[in-house]
Amino acid sequence: MAYSVDNVAGVDLVNLTQTNTNSANVNIPVFGPLGTLLNASDGKIYVFAKANASIPASTATCTIDPTTFLVTATGGAYTSPTTAMTSGQYAWFSKAGV
């Protein structure tokens, strides 16, 4: 299991990020902000982002919009977590660091 080698502690690079519902009934991730980058022990770069559609587990063709950090499961260089995602869920997406 990969872990952060940067000064970011307590992140779970494997599972979906939990959310809390605020008074406006909006799910807020327990980590943020979107677009946070970190280097991990497996030599990969991870980006914290939000699914913009359903994404199958371990999809190796995810695209992350560099402005909104919304993810789609088509034509990109990022891999989704090992758990399938639905639109609106948050997670760390990886790609090779070299």
C-alpha atoms as a PDB file:
ATOM      1  CA  MET A   1       0.000   0.000   0.000  1.00  0.00           C
ATOM      2  CA  ALA A   2       1.381   3.380  -1.015  1.00  0.00           C
ATOM      3  CA  TYR A   3       1.734   6.224   1.464  1.00  0.00           C
ATOM      4  CA  SER A   4       2.635   9.898   1.187  1.00  0.00           C
ATOM      5  CA  VAL A   5       6.314  10.802   1.259  1.00  0.00           C
ATOM      6  CA  ASP A   6       5.493  14.534   1.288  1.00  0.00           C
ATOM      7  CA  ASN A   7       4.481  16.622   4.289  1.00  0.00           C
ATOM      8  CA  VAL A   8       0.863  15.480   4.006  1.00  0.00           C
ATOM      9  CA  ALA A   9      -0.150  13.125   6.799  1.00  0.00           C
ATOM     10  CA  GLY A  10      -3.194  10.930   7.265  1.00  0.00           C
ATOM     11  CA  VAL A  11      -4.323  10.614   3.655  1.00  0.00           C
ATOM     12  CA  ASP A  12      -5.790   7.345   2.382  1.00  0.00           C
ATOM     13  CA  LEU A  13      -4.548   6.800  -1.162  1.00  0.00           C
ATOM     14  CA  VAL A  14      -6.475   3.545  -1.585  1.00  0.00           C
ATOM     15  CA  ASN A  15     -10.073   4.144  -0.494  1.00  0.00           C
ATOM     16  CA  LEU A  16     -12.632   6.774  -1.406  1.00  0.00           C
ATOM     17  CA  THR A  17     -12.517   9.909   0.736  1.00  0.00           C
ATOM     18  CA  GLN A  18     -15.294  10.209   3.305  1.00  0.00           C
ATOM     19  CA  THR A  19     -17.613  13.215   3.306  1.00  0.00           C
ATOM     20  CA  ASN A  20     -19.690  15.067   5.859  1.00  0.00           C
ATOM     21  CA  THR A  21     -23.049  16.609   4.940  1.00  0.00           C
ATOM     22  CA  ASN A  22     -23.368  20.308   5.802  1.00  0.00           C
ATOM     23  CA  SER A  23     -26.524  22.255   6.673  1.00  0.00           C
ATOM     24  CA  ALA A  24     -27.226  22.879   2.964  1.00  0.00           C
ATOM     25  CA  ASN A  25     -27.219  19.085   2.409  1.00  0.00           C
ATOM     26  CA  VAL A  26     -23.947  19.255   0.433  1.00  0.00           C
ATOM     27  CA  ASN A  27     -21.315  16.528   0.862  1.00  0.00           C
ATOM     28  CA  ILE A  28     -17.993  18.077   1.897  1.00  0.00           C
ATOM     29  CA  PRO A  29     -14.851  15.888   1.757  1.00  0.00           C
ATOM     30  CA  VAL A  30     -12.915  15.451   5.004  1.00  0.00           C
ATOM     31  CA  PHE A  31      -9.741  16.346   3.059  1.00  0.00           C
ATOM     32  CA  GLY A  32      -9.119  19.205   0.673  1.00  0.00           C
ATOM     33  CA  PRO A  33      -8.644  21.194  -1.400  1.00  0.00           C
ATOM     34  CA  LEU A  34      -9.255  19.563  -4.763  1.00  0.00           C
ATOM     35  CA  GLY A  35      -6.120  19.491  -6.875  1.00  0.00           C
ATOM     36  CA  THR A  36      -3.751  18.721  -4.003  1.00  0.00           C
ATOM     37  CA  LEU A  37      -0.702  16.859  -5.335  1.00  0.00           C
ATOM     38  CA  LEU A  38       1.576  14.511  -3.446  1.00  0.00           C
ATOM     39  CA  ASN A  39       4.370  12.080  -4.112  1.00  0.00           C
ATOM     40  CA  ALA A  40       3.946   8.558  -2.777  1.00  0.00           C
ATOM     41  CA  SER A  41       6.151   5.660  -1.760  1.00  0.00           C
ATOM     42  CA  ASP A  42       5.209   3.721  -4.916  1.00  0.00           C
ATOM     43  CA  GLY A  43       6.866   6.354  -7.150  1.00  0.00           C
ATOM     44  CA  LYS A  44       3.563   7.752  -8.363  1.00  0.00           C
ATOM     45  CA  ILE A  45       2.090  11.245  -8.222  1.00  0.00           C
ATOM     46  CA  TYR A  46      -1.390  11.474  -6.700  1.00  0.00           C
ATOM     47  CA  VAL A  47      -4.018  14.175  -7.312  1.00  0.00           C
ATOM     48  CA  PHE A  48      -7.045  14.687  -5.057  1.00  0.00           C
ATOM     49  CA  ALA A  49     -10.076  15.035  -7.342  1.00  0.00           C
ATOM     50  CA  LYS A  50     -13.829  14.482  -7.701  1.00  0.00           C
ATOM     51  CA  ALA A  51     -15.591  12.016 -10.010  1.00  0.00           C
ATOM     52  CA  ASN A  52     -17.692  13.797 -12.638  1.00  0.00           C
ATOM     53  CA  ALA A  53     -19.336  10.529 -13.740  1.00  0.00           C
ATOM     54  CA  SER A  54     -19.304   6.853 -12.808  1.00  0.00           C
ATOM     55  CA  ILE A  55     -15.748   5.488 -12.901  1.00  0.00           C
ATOM     56  CA  PRO A  56     -14.985   1.750 -12.789  1.00  0.00           C
ATOM     57  CA  ALA A  57     -12.398   0.492 -10.307  1.00  0.00           C
ATOM     58  CA  SER A  58      -8.736   0.820 -11.353  1.00  0.00           C
ATOM     59  CA  THR A  59      -9.553   2.613 -14.607  1.00  0.00           C
ATOM     60  CA  ALA A  60      -6.245   3.554 -16.227  1.00  0.00           C
ATOM     61  CA  THR A  61      -7.622   6.141 -18.647  1.00  0.00           C
ATOM     62  CA  CYS A  62      -8.975   8.864 -16.397  1.00  0.00           C
ATOM     63  CA  THR A  63      -8.771  12.525 -17.376  1.00  0.00           C
ATOM     64  CA  ILE A  64      -8.592  15.235 -14.709  1.00  0.00           C
ATOM     65  CA  ASP A  65      -9.689  18.733 -15.690  1.00  0.00           C
ATOM     66  CA  PRO A  66      -6.815  21.017 -14.553  1.00  0.00           C
ATOM     67  CA  THR A  67      -9.199  23.834 -13.603  1.00  0.00           C
ATOM     68  CA  THR A  68     -12.075  22.089 -11.809  1.00  0.00           C
ATOM     69  CA  PHE A  69     -10.326  18.802 -10.833  1.00  0.00           C
ATOM     70  CA  LEU A  70     -13.338  16.842 -12.036  1.00  0.00           C
ATOM     71  CA  VAL A  71     -12.529  13.369 -13.375  1.00  0.00           C
ATOM     72  CA  THR A  72     -13.924  11.414 -16.320  1.00  0.00           C
ATOM     73  CA  ALA A  73     -13.043   7.836 -17.253  1.00  0.00           C
ATOM     74  CA  THR A  74     -11.822   8.523 -20.768  1.00  0.00           C
ATOM     75  CA  GLY A  75      -8.548   9.177 -22.513  1.00  0.00           C
ATOM     76  CA  GLY A  76      -6.232  10.330 -19.750  1.00  0.00           C
ATOM     77  CA  ALA A  77      -3.067   9.339 -17.918  1.00  0.00           C
ATOM     78  CA  TYR A  78      -4.498   8.853 -14.416  1.00  0.00           C
ATOM     79  CA  THR A  79      -5.665   5.675 -12.680  1.00  0.00           C
ATOM     80  CA  SER A  80      -8.690   5.631 -10.397  1.00  0.00           C
ATOM     81  CA  PRO A  81      -8.725   3.915  -6.991  1.00  0.00           C
ATOM     82  CA  THR A  82      -9.429   0.181  -6.658  1.00  0.00           C
ATOM     83  CA  THR A  83     -13.047   0.953  -5.713  1.00  0.00           C
ATOM     84  CA  ALA A  84     -15.662   1.910  -8.310  1.00  0.00           C
ATOM     85  CA  MET A  85     -16.870   5.502  -7.984  1.00  0.00           C
ATOM     86  CA  THR A  86     -20.125   7.299  -8.648  1.00  0.00           C
ATOM     87  CA  SER A  87     -20.414  10.917  -9.699  1.00  0.00           C
ATOM     88  CA  GLY A  88     -19.658  13.279  -6.820  1.00  0.00           C
ATOM     89  CA  GLN A  89     -17.304  10.995  -4.887  1.00  0.00           C
ATOM     90  CA  TYR A  90     -13.777  12.094  -3.947  1.00  0.00           C
ATOM     91  CA  ALA A  91     -10.525  10.125  -4.160  1.00  0.00           C
ATOM     92  CA  TRP A  92      -6.831  10.184  -5.004  1.00  0.00           C
ATOM     93  CA  PHE A  93      -5.947   9.452  -8.656  1.00  0.00           C
ATOM     94  CA  SER A  94      -2.442   8.301  -9.554  1.00  0.00           C
ATOM     95  CA  LYS A  95      -0.069   8.415 -12.481  1.00  0.00           C
ATOM     96  CA  ALA A  96       3.542   7.413 -12.971  1.00  0.00           C
ATOM     97  CA  GLY A  97       6.009   9.970 -11.664  1.00  0.00           C
ATOM     98  CA  VAL A  98       8.509   9.308 -14.474  1.00  0.00           C
END
